[in-house]
Amino acid sequence: MSKIVLTEPYTTLPRGGYLLETSVGYIQIGSPPETIKDTMMLPRSTPFIFVLPNQFFNVTKGISVAELEFPIYYNHFLRQKKTYVVCTEEQRDQFRIVL
């Protein structure tokens, strides 16, 4: 795995999505499959805050961009912290069915 270099104002993650470094920690926009591998070795580790895009599926790449199971489990079981997801009410309802 290549080392990720954090850039300003945001970093494009290798597997997709964007990472913002803020005073409250990282905020990740989009969450493609295996995204946790991009962030867990960073200085502040996996983000606690994720912003979901309007569409959960990227048709061009043929992948989901809302794969939050592993980041949520990692933050909950290993870091003993909550994960916050910024999304619409409709997305929240869809997400609750999946989780």
PDB file of N, CA and C in Angstrom:
ATOM      1  N   MET A   1       0.845  -1.183   0.000  1.00  0.00           N
ATOM      2  CA  MET A   1       0.000   0.000   0.000  1.00  0.00           C
ATOM      3  C   MET A   1       0.884   1.237   0.000  1.00  0.00           C
ATOM      4  N   SER A   2       0.615   2.160  -0.910  1.00  0.00           N
ATOM      5  CA  SER A   2       1.421   3.369  -0.971  1.00  0.00           C
ATOM      6  C   SER A   2       0.994   4.339   0.124  1.00  0.00           C
ATOM      7  N   LYS A   3       1.946   5.139   0.559  1.00  0.00           N
ATOM      8  CA  LYS A   3       1.687   6.103   1.620  1.00  0.00           C
ATOM      9  C   LYS A   3       0.840   7.248   1.072  1.00  0.00           C
ATOM     10  N   ILE A   4      -0.148   7.660   1.835  1.00  0.00           N
ATOM     11  CA  ILE A   4      -1.014   8.763   1.440  1.00  0.00           C
ATOM     12  C   ILE A   4      -0.421  10.057   1.969  1.00  0.00           C
ATOM     13  N   VAL A   5      -0.291  11.035   1.097  1.00  0.00           N
ATOM     14  CA  VAL A   5       0.204  12.350   1.481  1.00  0.00           C
ATOM     15  C   VAL A   5      -1.005  13.269   1.600  1.00  0.00           C
ATOM     16  N   LEU A   6      -1.214  13.804   2.789  1.00  0.00           N
ATOM     17  CA  LEU A   6      -2.335  14.711   3.011  1.00  0.00           C
ATOM     18  C   LEU A   6      -2.046  16.043   2.338  1.00  0.00           C
ATOM     19  N   THR A   7      -3.026  16.570   1.613  1.00  0.00           N
ATOM     20  CA  THR A   7      -2.870  17.834   0.906  1.00  0.00           C
ATOM     21  C   THR A   7      -3.943  18.810   1.365  1.00  0.00           C
ATOM     22  N   GLU A   8      -3.769  20.059   1.023  1.00  0.00           N
ATOM     23  CA  GLU A   8      -4.728  21.101   1.393  1.00  0.00           C
ATOM     24  C   GLU A   8      -5.547  21.472   0.172  1.00  0.00           C
ATOM     25  N   PRO A   9      -6.773  21.826   0.210  1.00  0.00           N
ATOM     26  CA  PRO A   9      -7.657  21.748   1.365  1.00  0.00           C
ATOM     27  C   PRO A   9      -8.250  20.351   1.570  1.00  0.00           C
ATOM     28  N   TYR A  10      -8.020  19.443   0.597  1.00  0.00           N
ATOM     29  CA  TYR A  10      -8.541  18.084   0.747  1.00  0.00           C
ATOM     30  C   TYR A  10      -7.586  17.102   0.089  1.00  0.00           C
ATOM     31  N   THR A  11      -7.737  15.831   0.432  1.00  0.00           N
ATOM     32  CA  THR A  11      -6.924  14.763  -0.144  1.00  0.00           C
ATOM     33  C   THR A  11      -7.848  13.810  -0.891  1.00  0.00           C
ATOM     34  N   THR A  12      -7.485  13.479  -2.125  1.00  0.00           N
ATOM     35  CA  THR A  12      -8.218  12.471  -2.882  1.00  0.00           C
ATOM     36  C   THR A  12      -7.684  11.107  -2.465  1.00  0.00           C
ATOM     37  N   LEU A  13      -8.551  10.237  -1.992  1.00  0.00           N
ATOM     38  CA  LEU A  13      -8.128   8.921  -1.514  1.00  0.00           C
ATOM     39  C   LEU A  13      -7.946   7.948  -2.683  1.00  0.00           C
ATOM     40  N   PRO A  14      -6.986   7.031  -2.575  1.00  0.00           N
ATOM     41  CA  PRO A  14      -6.687   6.101  -3.678  1.00  0.00           C
ATOM     42  C   PRO A  14      -7.884   5.286  -4.165  1.00  0.00           C
ATOM     43  N   ARG A  15      -8.750   4.854  -3.262  1.00  0.00           N
ATOM     44  CA  ARG A  15      -9.892   4.026  -3.662  1.00  0.00           C
ATOM     45  C   ARG A  15     -11.125   4.858  -3.996  1.00  0.00           C
ATOM     46  N   GLY A  16     -11.001   6.175  -3.892  1.00  0.00           N
ATOM     47  CA  GLY A  16     -12.109   7.086  -4.149  1.00  0.00           C
ATOM     48  C   GLY A  16     -12.524   7.802  -2.880  1.00  0.00           C
ATOM     49  N   GLY A  17     -13.243   8.856  -3.031  1.00  0.00           N
ATOM     50  CA  GLY A  17     -13.651   9.662  -1.891  1.00  0.00           C
ATOM     51  C   GLY A  17     -12.613  10.730  -1.593  1.00  0.00           C
ATOM     52  N   TYR A  18     -12.973  11.622  -0.696  1.00  0.00           N
ATOM     53  CA  TYR A  18     -12.114  12.749  -0.342  1.00  0.00           C
ATOM     54  C   TYR A  18     -12.015  12.850   1.171  1.00  0.00           C
ATOM     55  N   LEU A  19     -10.866  13.305   1.640  1.00  0.00           N
ATOM     56  CA  LEU A  19     -10.621  13.443   3.067  1.00  0.00           C
ATOM     57  C   LEU A  19     -10.287  14.894   3.376  1.00  0.00           C
ATOM     58  N   LEU A  20     -11.035  15.475   4.310  1.00  0.00           N
ATOM     59  CA  LEU A  20     -10.778  16.837   4.776  1.00  0.00           C
ATOM     60  C   LEU A  20     -10.197  16.755   6.176  1.00  0.00           C
ATOM     61  N   GLU A  21      -9.132  17.494   6.431  1.00  0.00           N
ATOM     62  CA  GLU A  21      -8.581  17.545   7.783  1.00  0.00           C
ATOM     63  C   GLU A  21      -9.120  18.797   8.453  1.00  0.00           C
ATOM     64  N   THR A  22      -9.831  18.617   9.586  1.00  0.00           N
ATOM     65  CA  THR A  22     -10.453  19.736  10.285  1.00  0.00           C
ATOM     66  C   THR A  22     -10.039  19.723  11.753  1.00  0.00           C
ATOM     67  N   SER A  23     -10.461  20.732  12.487  1.00  0.00           N
ATOM     68  CA  SER A  23     -10.132  20.803  13.913  1.00  0.00           C
ATOM     69  C   SER A  23     -10.821  19.691  14.711  1.00  0.00           C
ATOM     70  N   VAL A  24     -11.891  19.112  14.181  1.00  0.00           N
ATOM     71  CA  VAL A  24     -12.587  18.024  14.878  1.00  0.00           C
ATOM     72  C   VAL A  24     -12.146  16.653  14.375  1.00  0.00           C
ATOM     73  N   GLY A  25     -11.168  16.629  13.507  1.00  0.00           N
ATOM     74  CA  GLY A  25     -10.688  15.368  12.945  1.00  0.00           C
ATOM     75  C   GLY A  25     -10.974  15.305  11.460  1.00  0.00           C
ATOM     76  N   TYR A  26     -10.712  14.143  10.888  1.00  0.00           N
ATOM     77  CA  TYR A  26     -10.959  13.967   9.465  1.00  0.00           C
ATOM     78  C   TYR A  26     -12.457  13.881   9.191  1.00  0.00           C
ATOM     79  N   ILE A  27     -12.852  14.420   8.052  1.00  0.00           N
ATOM     80  CA  ILE A  27     -14.196  14.235   7.522  1.00  0.00           C
ATOM     81  C   ILE A  27     -14.011  13.615   6.149  1.00  0.00           C
ATOM     82  N   GLN A  28     -14.689  12.500   5.910  1.00  0.00           N
ATOM     83  CA  GLN A  28     -14.553  11.820   4.625  1.00  0.00           C
ATOM     84  C   GLN A  28     -15.823  11.980   3.809  1.00  0.00           C
ATOM     85  N   ILE A  29     -15.654  12.367   2.554  1.00  0.00           N
ATOM     86  CA  ILE A  29     -16.775  12.508   1.630  1.00  0.00           C
ATOM     87  C   ILE A  29     -16.743  11.321   0.686  1.00  0.00           C
ATOM     88  N   GLY A  30     -17.820  10.534   0.706  1.00  0.00           N
ATOM     89  CA  GLY A  30     -17.861   9.297  -0.067  1.00  0.00           C
ATOM     90  C   GLY A  30     -17.165   8.182   0.695  1.00  0.00           C
ATOM     91  N   SER A  31     -17.599   6.967   0.456  1.00  0.00           N
ATOM     92  CA  SER A  31     -17.029   5.826   1.167  1.00  0.00           C
ATOM     93  C   SER A  31     -17.071   4.586   0.278  1.00  0.00           C
ATOM     94  N   PRO A  32     -16.132   4.508  -0.674  1.00  0.00           N
ATOM     95  CA  PRO A  32     -16.100   3.352  -1.576  1.00  0.00           C
ATOM     96  C   PRO A  32     -15.627   2.090  -0.855  1.00  0.00           C
ATOM     97  N   PRO A  33     -15.771   0.919  -1.493  1.00  0.00           N
ATOM     98  CA  PRO A  33     -15.323  -0.327  -0.864  1.00  0.00           C
ATOM     99  C   PRO A  33     -13.858  -0.259  -0.429  1.00  0.00           C
ATOM    100  N   GLU A  34     -13.579  -0.836   0.715  1.00  0.00           N
ATOM    101  CA  GLU A  34     -12.233  -0.940   1.284  1.00  0.00           C
ATOM    102  C   GLU A  34     -11.598   0.415   1.600  1.00  0.00           C
ATOM    103  N   THR A  35     -12.411   1.438   1.753  1.00  0.00           N
ATOM    104  CA  THR A  35     -11.889   2.772   2.044  1.00  0.00           C
ATOM    105  C   THR A  35     -11.132   2.818   3.370  1.00  0.00           C
ATOM    106  N   ILE A  36     -11.469   1.934   4.291  1.00  0.00           N
ATOM    107  CA  ILE A  36     -10.797   1.918   5.592  1.00  0.00           C
ATOM    108  C   ILE A  36      -9.293   1.688   5.434  1.00  0.00           C
ATOM    109  N   LYS A  37      -8.906   0.955   4.397  1.00  0.00           N
ATOM    110  CA  LYS A  37      -7.480   0.701   4.153  1.00  0.00           C
ATOM    111  C   LYS A  37      -6.741   1.980   3.787  1.00  0.00           C
ATOM    112  N   ASP A  38      -7.450   2.964   3.261  1.00  0.00           N
ATOM    113  CA  ASP A  38      -6.831   4.239   2.908  1.00  0.00           C
ATOM    114  C   ASP A  38      -6.574   5.113   4.129  1.00  0.00           C
ATOM    115  N   THR A  39      -7.348   4.934   5.193  1.00  0.00           N
ATOM    116  CA  THR A  39      -7.295   5.898   6.296  1.00  0.00           C
ATOM    117  C   THR A  39      -6.809   5.361   7.635  1.00  0.00           C
ATOM    118  N   MET A  40      -6.894   4.071   7.875  1.00  0.00           N
ATOM    119  CA  MET A  40      -6.607   3.585   9.233  1.00  0.00           C
ATOM    120  C   MET A  40      -5.151   3.772   9.660  1.00  0.00           C
ATOM    121  N   MET A  41      -4.225   3.951   8.730  1.00  0.00           N
ATOM    122  CA  MET A  41      -2.822   4.152   9.092  1.00  0.00           C
ATOM    123  C   MET A  41      -2.420   5.631   9.106  1.00  0.00           C
ATOM    124  N   LEU A  42      -3.361   6.528   8.852  1.00  0.00           N
ATOM    125  CA  LEU A  42      -3.072   7.959   8.887  1.00  0.00           C
ATOM    126  C   LEU A  42      -2.904   8.416  10.336  1.00  0.00           C
ATOM    127  N   PRO A  43      -2.267   9.575  10.552  1.00  0.00           N
ATOM    128  CA  PRO A  43      -2.021  10.042  11.926  1.00  0.00           C
ATOM    129  C   PRO A  43      -3.274  10.100  12.810  1.00  0.00           C
ATOM    130  N   ARG A  44      -4.419  10.468  12.239  1.00  0.00           N
ATOM    131  CA  ARG A  44      -5.649  10.569  13.031  1.00  0.00           C
ATOM    132  C   ARG A  44      -6.596   9.404  12.757  1.00  0.00           C
ATOM    133  N   SER A  45      -6.119   8.404  12.041  1.00  0.00           N
ATOM    134  CA  SER A  45      -6.843   7.158  11.762  1.00  0.00           C
ATOM    135  C   SER A  45      -8.127   7.385  10.959  1.00  0.00           C
ATOM    136  N   THR A  46      -9.005   6.414  11.035  1.00  0.00           N
ATOM    137  CA  THR A  46     -10.253   6.429  10.274  1.00  0.00           C
ATOM    138  C   THR A  46     -11.163   7.550  10.779  1.00  0.00           C
ATOM    139  N   PRO A  47     -11.800   8.290   9.874  1.00  0.00           N
ATOM    140  CA  PRO A  47     -12.671   9.393  10.299  1.00  0.00           C
ATOM    141  C   PRO A  47     -13.849   8.921  11.151  1.00  0.00           C
ATOM    142  N   PHE A  48     -14.354   9.842  11.949  1.00  0.00           N
ATOM    143  CA  PHE A  48     -15.578   9.608  12.709  1.00  0.00           C
ATOM    144  C   PHE A  48     -16.780  10.192  11.970  1.00  0.00           C
ATOM    145  N   ILE A  49     -16.513  11.059  10.983  1.00  0.00           N
ATOM    146  CA  ILE A  49     -17.582  11.741  10.251  1.00  0.00           C
ATOM    147  C   ILE A  49     -17.471  11.404   8.770  1.00  0.00           C
ATOM    148  N   PHE A  50     -18.582  10.933   8.205  1.00  0.00           N
ATOM    149  CA  PHE A  50     -18.654  10.605   6.780  1.00  0.00           C
ATOM    150  C   PHE A  50     -19.818  11.372   6.164  1.00  0.00           C
ATOM    151  N   VAL A  51     -19.593  11.934   4.988  1.00  0.00           N
ATOM    152  CA  VAL A  51     -20.639  12.616   4.233  1.00  0.00           C
ATOM    153  C   VAL A  51     -20.945  11.756   3.017  1.00  0.00           C
ATOM    154  N   LEU A  52     -22.198  11.352   2.896  1.00  0.00           N
ATOM    155  CA  LEU A  52     -22.577  10.506   1.772  1.00  0.00           C
ATOM    156  C   LEU A  52     -22.948  11.355   0.560  1.00  0.00           C
ATOM    157  N   PRO A  53     -22.554  10.912  -0.631  1.00  0.00           N
ATOM    158  CA  PRO A  53     -22.937  11.637  -1.846  1.00  0.00           C
ATOM    159  C   PRO A  53     -24.430  11.444  -2.139  1.00  0.00           C
ATOM    160  N   ASN A  54     -24.947  12.214  -3.092  1.00  0.00           N
ATOM    161  CA  ASN A  54     -26.373  12.121  -3.440  1.00  0.00           C
ATOM    162  C   ASN A  54     -26.786  10.722  -3.869  1.00  0.00           C
ATOM    163  N   GLN A  55     -25.940  10.056  -4.629  1.00  0.00           N
ATOM    164  CA  GLN A  55     -26.219   8.708  -5.117  1.00  0.00           C
ATOM    165  C   GLN A  55     -25.282   7.721  -4.428  1.00  0.00           C
ATOM    166  N   PHE A  56     -25.802   6.594  -3.971  1.00  0.00           N
ATOM    167  CA  PHE A  56     -24.986   5.573  -3.302  1.00  0.00           C
ATOM    168  C   PHE A  56     -24.152   4.749  -4.272  1.00  0.00           C
ATOM    169  N   PHE A  57     -24.509   4.774  -5.558  1.00  0.00           N
ATOM    170  CA  PHE A  57     -23.832   3.919  -6.535  1.00  0.00           C
ATOM    171  C   PHE A  57     -23.240   4.766  -7.648  1.00  0.00           C
ATOM    172  N   ASN A  58     -21.936   4.556  -7.922  1.00  0.00           N
ATOM    173  CA  ASN A  58     -21.266   5.242  -9.023  1.00  0.00           C
ATOM    174  C   ASN A  58     -21.357   4.345 -10.252  1.00  0.00           C
ATOM    175  N   VAL A  59     -22.211   4.719 -11.185  1.00  0.00           N
ATOM    176  CA  VAL A  59     -22.456   3.901 -12.373  1.00  0.00           C
ATOM    177  C   VAL A  59     -21.201   3.798 -13.231  1.00  0.00           C
ATOM    178  N   THR A  60     -20.442   4.874 -13.345  1.00  0.00           N
ATOM    179  CA  THR A  60     -19.230   4.882 -14.165  1.00  0.00           C
ATOM    180  C   THR A  60     -18.218   3.855 -13.675  1.00  0.00           C
ATOM    181  N   LYS A  61     -17.998   3.822 -12.359  1.00  0.00           N
ATOM    182  CA  LYS A  61     -17.032   2.881 -11.781  1.00  0.00           C
ATOM    183  C   LYS A  61     -17.656   1.528 -11.452  1.00  0.00           C
ATOM    184  N   GLY A  62     -18.974   1.482 -11.400  1.00  0.00           N
ATOM    185  CA  GLY A  62     -19.663   0.241 -11.069  1.00  0.00           C
ATOM    186  C   GLY A  62     -19.494  -0.183  -9.621  1.00  0.00           C
ATOM    187  N   ILE A  63     -19.410   0.805  -8.705  1.00  0.00           N
ATOM    188  CA  ILE A  63     -19.211   0.491  -7.289  1.00  0.00           C
ATOM    189  C   ILE A  63     -20.127   1.332  -6.400  1.00  0.00           C
ATOM    190  N   SER A  64     -20.337   0.842  -5.199  1.00  0.00           N
ATOM    191  CA  SER A  64     -21.043   1.607  -4.181  1.00  0.00           C
ATOM    192  C   SER A  64     -20.086   2.655  -3.619  1.00  0.00           C
ATOM    193  N   VAL A  65     -20.603   3.822  -3.325  1.00  0.00           N
ATOM    194  CA  VAL A  65     -19.779   4.853  -2.685  1.00  0.00           C
ATOM    195  C   VAL A  65     -20.318   5.153  -1.284  1.00  0.00           C
ATOM    196  N   ALA A  66     -21.005   4.168  -0.716  1.00  0.00           N
ATOM    197  CA  ALA A  66     -21.561   4.299   0.630  1.00  0.00           C
ATOM    198  C   ALA A  66     -21.314   3.019   1.421  1.00  0.00           C
ATOM    199  N   GLU A  67     -20.088   2.540   1.407  1.00  0.00           N
ATOM    200  CA  GLU A  67     -19.708   1.315   2.130  1.00  0.00           C
ATOM    201  C   GLU A  67     -19.158   1.712   3.502  1.00  0.00           C
ATOM    202  N   LEU A  68     -20.021   1.783   4.474  1.00  0.00           N
ATOM    203  CA  LEU A  68     -19.610   2.271   5.792  1.00  0.00           C
ATOM    204  C   LEU A  68     -19.517   1.196   6.867  1.00  0.00           C
ATOM    205  N   GLU A  69     -19.841  -0.045   6.531  1.00  0.00           N
ATOM    206  CA  GLU A  69     -19.862  -1.079   7.566  1.00  0.00           C
ATOM    207  C   GLU A  69     -18.527  -1.191   8.300  1.00  0.00           C
ATOM    208  N   PHE A  70     -17.435  -1.337   7.559  1.00  0.00           N
ATOM    209  CA  PHE A  70     -16.142  -1.540   8.219  1.00  0.00           C
ATOM    210  C   PHE A  70     -15.659  -0.307   8.979  1.00  0.00           C
ATOM    211  N   PRO A  71     -15.770   0.914   8.432  1.00  0.00           N
ATOM    212  CA  PRO A  71     -15.401   2.074   9.254  1.00  0.00           C
ATOM    213  C   PRO A  71     -16.234   2.186  10.533  1.00  0.00           C
ATOM    214  N   ILE A  72     -17.534   1.882  10.441  1.00  0.00           N
ATOM    215  CA  ILE A  72     -18.386   1.942  11.636  1.00  0.00           C
ATOM    216  C   ILE A  72     -17.944   0.899  12.657  1.00  0.00           C
ATOM    217  N   TYR A  73     -17.730  -0.330  12.219  1.00  0.00           N
ATOM    218  CA  TYR A  73     -17.286  -1.391  13.131  1.00  0.00           C
ATOM    219  C   TYR A  73     -15.925  -1.063  13.737  1.00  0.00           C
ATOM    220  N   TYR A  74     -15.009  -0.575  12.923  1.00  0.00           N
ATOM    221  CA  TYR A  74     -13.655  -0.229  13.381  1.00  0.00           C
ATOM    222  C   TYR A  74     -13.730   0.844  14.471  1.00  0.00           C
ATOM    223  N   ASN A  75     -14.490   1.905  14.199  1.00  0.00           N
ATOM    224  CA  ASN A  75     -14.608   2.977  15.187  1.00  0.00           C
ATOM    225  C   ASN A  75     -15.307   2.497  16.457  1.00  0.00           C
ATOM    226  N   HIS A  76     -16.313   1.674  16.315  1.00  0.00           N
ATOM    227  CA  HIS A  76     -17.081   1.220  17.482  1.00  0.00           C
ATOM    228  C   HIS A  76     -16.308   0.205  18.329  1.00  0.00           C
ATOM    229  N   PHE A  77     -15.836  -0.853  17.701  1.00  0.00           N
ATOM    230  CA  PHE A  77     -15.230  -1.948  18.470  1.00  0.00           C
ATOM    231  C   PHE A  77     -13.772  -1.705  18.847  1.00  0.00           C
ATOM    232  N   LEU A  78     -12.996  -1.099  17.973  1.00  0.00           N
ATOM    233  CA  LEU A  78     -11.576  -0.908  18.269  1.00  0.00           C
ATOM    234  C   LEU A  78     -11.263   0.441  18.903  1.00  0.00           C
ATOM    235  N   ARG A  79     -11.992   1.476  18.523  1.00  0.00           N
ATOM    236  CA  ARG A  79     -11.700   2.807  19.047  1.00  0.00           C
ATOM    237  C   ARG A  79     -12.708   3.261  20.098  1.00  0.00           C
ATOM    238  N   GLN A  80     -13.788   2.474  20.277  1.00  0.00           N
ATOM    239  CA  GLN A  80     -14.823   2.793  21.264  1.00  0.00           C
ATOM    240  C   GLN A  80     -15.436   4.181  21.021  1.00  0.00           C
ATOM    241  N   LYS A  81     -15.650   4.517  19.742  1.00  0.00           N
ATOM    242  CA  LYS A  81     -16.189   5.829  19.364  1.00  0.00           C
ATOM    243  C   LYS A  81     -17.364   5.662  18.412  1.00  0.00           C
ATOM    244  N   LYS A  82     -18.221   6.674  18.375  1.00  0.00           N
ATOM    245  CA  LYS A  82     -19.341   6.685  17.441  1.00  0.00           C
ATOM    246  C   LYS A  82     -18.884   7.203  16.084  1.00  0.00           C
ATOM    247  N   THR A  83     -19.579   6.750  15.050  1.00  0.00           N
ATOM    248  CA  THR A  83     -19.365   7.257  13.701  1.00  0.00           C
ATOM    249  C   THR A  83     -20.601   8.065  13.326  1.00  0.00           C
ATOM    250  N   TYR A  84     -20.385   9.234  12.763  1.00  0.00           N
ATOM    251  CA  TYR A  84     -21.478  10.106  12.361  1.00  0.00           C
ATOM    252  C   TYR A  84     -21.565  10.122  10.840  1.00  0.00           C
ATOM    253  N   VAL A  85     -22.788   9.983  10.334  1.00  0.00           N
ATOM    254  CA  VAL A  85     -23.012   9.952   8.894  1.00  0.00           C
ATOM    255  C   VAL A  85     -23.906  11.134   8.528  1.00  0.00           C
ATOM    256  N   VAL A  86     -23.419  11.981   7.639  1.00  0.00           N
ATOM    257  CA  VAL A  86     -24.181  13.127   7.158  1.00  0.00           C
ATOM    258  C   VAL A  86     -24.875  12.696   5.869  1.00  0.00           C
ATOM    259  N   CYS A  87     -26.208  12.710   5.900  1.00  0.00           N
ATOM    260  CA  CYS A  87     -26.975  12.251   4.740  1.00  0.00           C
ATOM    261  C   CYS A  87     -28.393  12.807   4.825  1.00  0.00           C
ATOM    262  N   THR A  88     -29.181  12.537   3.800  1.00  0.00           N
ATOM    263  CA  THR A  88     -30.583  12.949   3.815  1.00  0.00           C
ATOM    264  C   THR A  88     -31.395  11.955   4.647  1.00  0.00           C
ATOM    265  N   GLU A  89     -32.623  12.338   4.980  1.00  0.00           N
ATOM    266  CA  GLU A  89     -33.500  11.423   5.725  1.00  0.00           C
ATOM    267  C   GLU A  89     -33.774  10.162   4.922  1.00  0.00           C
ATOM    268  N   GLU A  90     -33.979  10.314   3.621  1.00  0.00           N
ATOM    269  CA  GLU A  90     -34.238   9.154   2.762  1.00  0.00           C
ATOM    270  C   GLU A  90     -33.034   8.211   2.753  1.00  0.00           C
ATOM    271  N   GLN A  91     -31.838   8.774   2.670  1.00  0.00           N
ATOM    272  CA  GLN A  91     -30.629   7.947   2.701  1.00  0.00           C
ATOM    273  C   GLN A  91     -30.496   7.235   4.040  1.00  0.00           C
ATOM    274  N   ARG A  92     -30.816   7.942   5.119  1.00  0.00           N
ATOM    275  CA  ARG A  92     -30.754   7.339   6.453  1.00  0.00           C
ATOM    276  C   ARG A  92     -31.666   6.119   6.537  1.00  0.00           C
ATOM    277  N   ASP A  93     -32.871   6.265   6.015  1.00  0.00           N
ATOM    278  CA  ASP A  93     -33.819   5.150   6.041  1.00  0.00           C
ATOM    279  C   ASP A  93     -33.297   3.966   5.229  1.00  0.00           C
ATOM    280  N   GLN A  94     -32.718   4.233   4.064  1.00  0.00           N
ATOM    281  CA  GLN A  94     -32.139   3.171   3.238  1.00  0.00           C
ATOM    282  C   GLN A  94     -30.972   2.512   3.962  1.00  0.00           C
ATOM    283  N   PHE A  95     -30.165   3.332   4.592  1.00  0.00           N
ATOM    284  CA  PHE A  95     -28.977   2.834   5.273  1.00  0.00           C
ATOM    285  C   PHE A  95     -29.332   1.951   6.468  1.00  0.00           C
ATOM    286  N   ARG A  96     -30.369   2.304   7.192  1.00  0.00           N
ATOM    287  CA  ARG A  96     -30.802   1.497   8.342  1.00  0.00           C
ATOM    288  C   ARG A  96     -31.209   0.096   7.916  1.00  0.00           C
ATOM    289  N   ILE A  97     -31.787  -0.030   6.738  1.00  0.00           N
ATOM    290  CA  ILE A  97     -32.173  -1.349   6.226  1.00  0.00           C
ATOM    291  C   ILE A  97     -30.931  -2.195   5.986  1.00  0.00           C
ATOM    292  N   VAL A  98     -29.900  -1.583   5.429  1.00  0.00           N
ATOM    293  CA  VAL A  98     -28.668  -2.299   5.097  1.00  0.00           C
ATOM    294  C   VAL A  98     -27.912  -2.707   6.355  1.00  0.00           C
ATOM    295  N   LEU A  99     -27.811  -1.802   7.315  1.00  0.00           N
ATOM    296  CA  LEU A  99     -27.056  -2.099   8.531  1.00  0.00           C
ATOM    297  C   LEU A  99     -27.897  -2.891   9.505  1.00  0.00           C
TER     298      LEU A  99
END
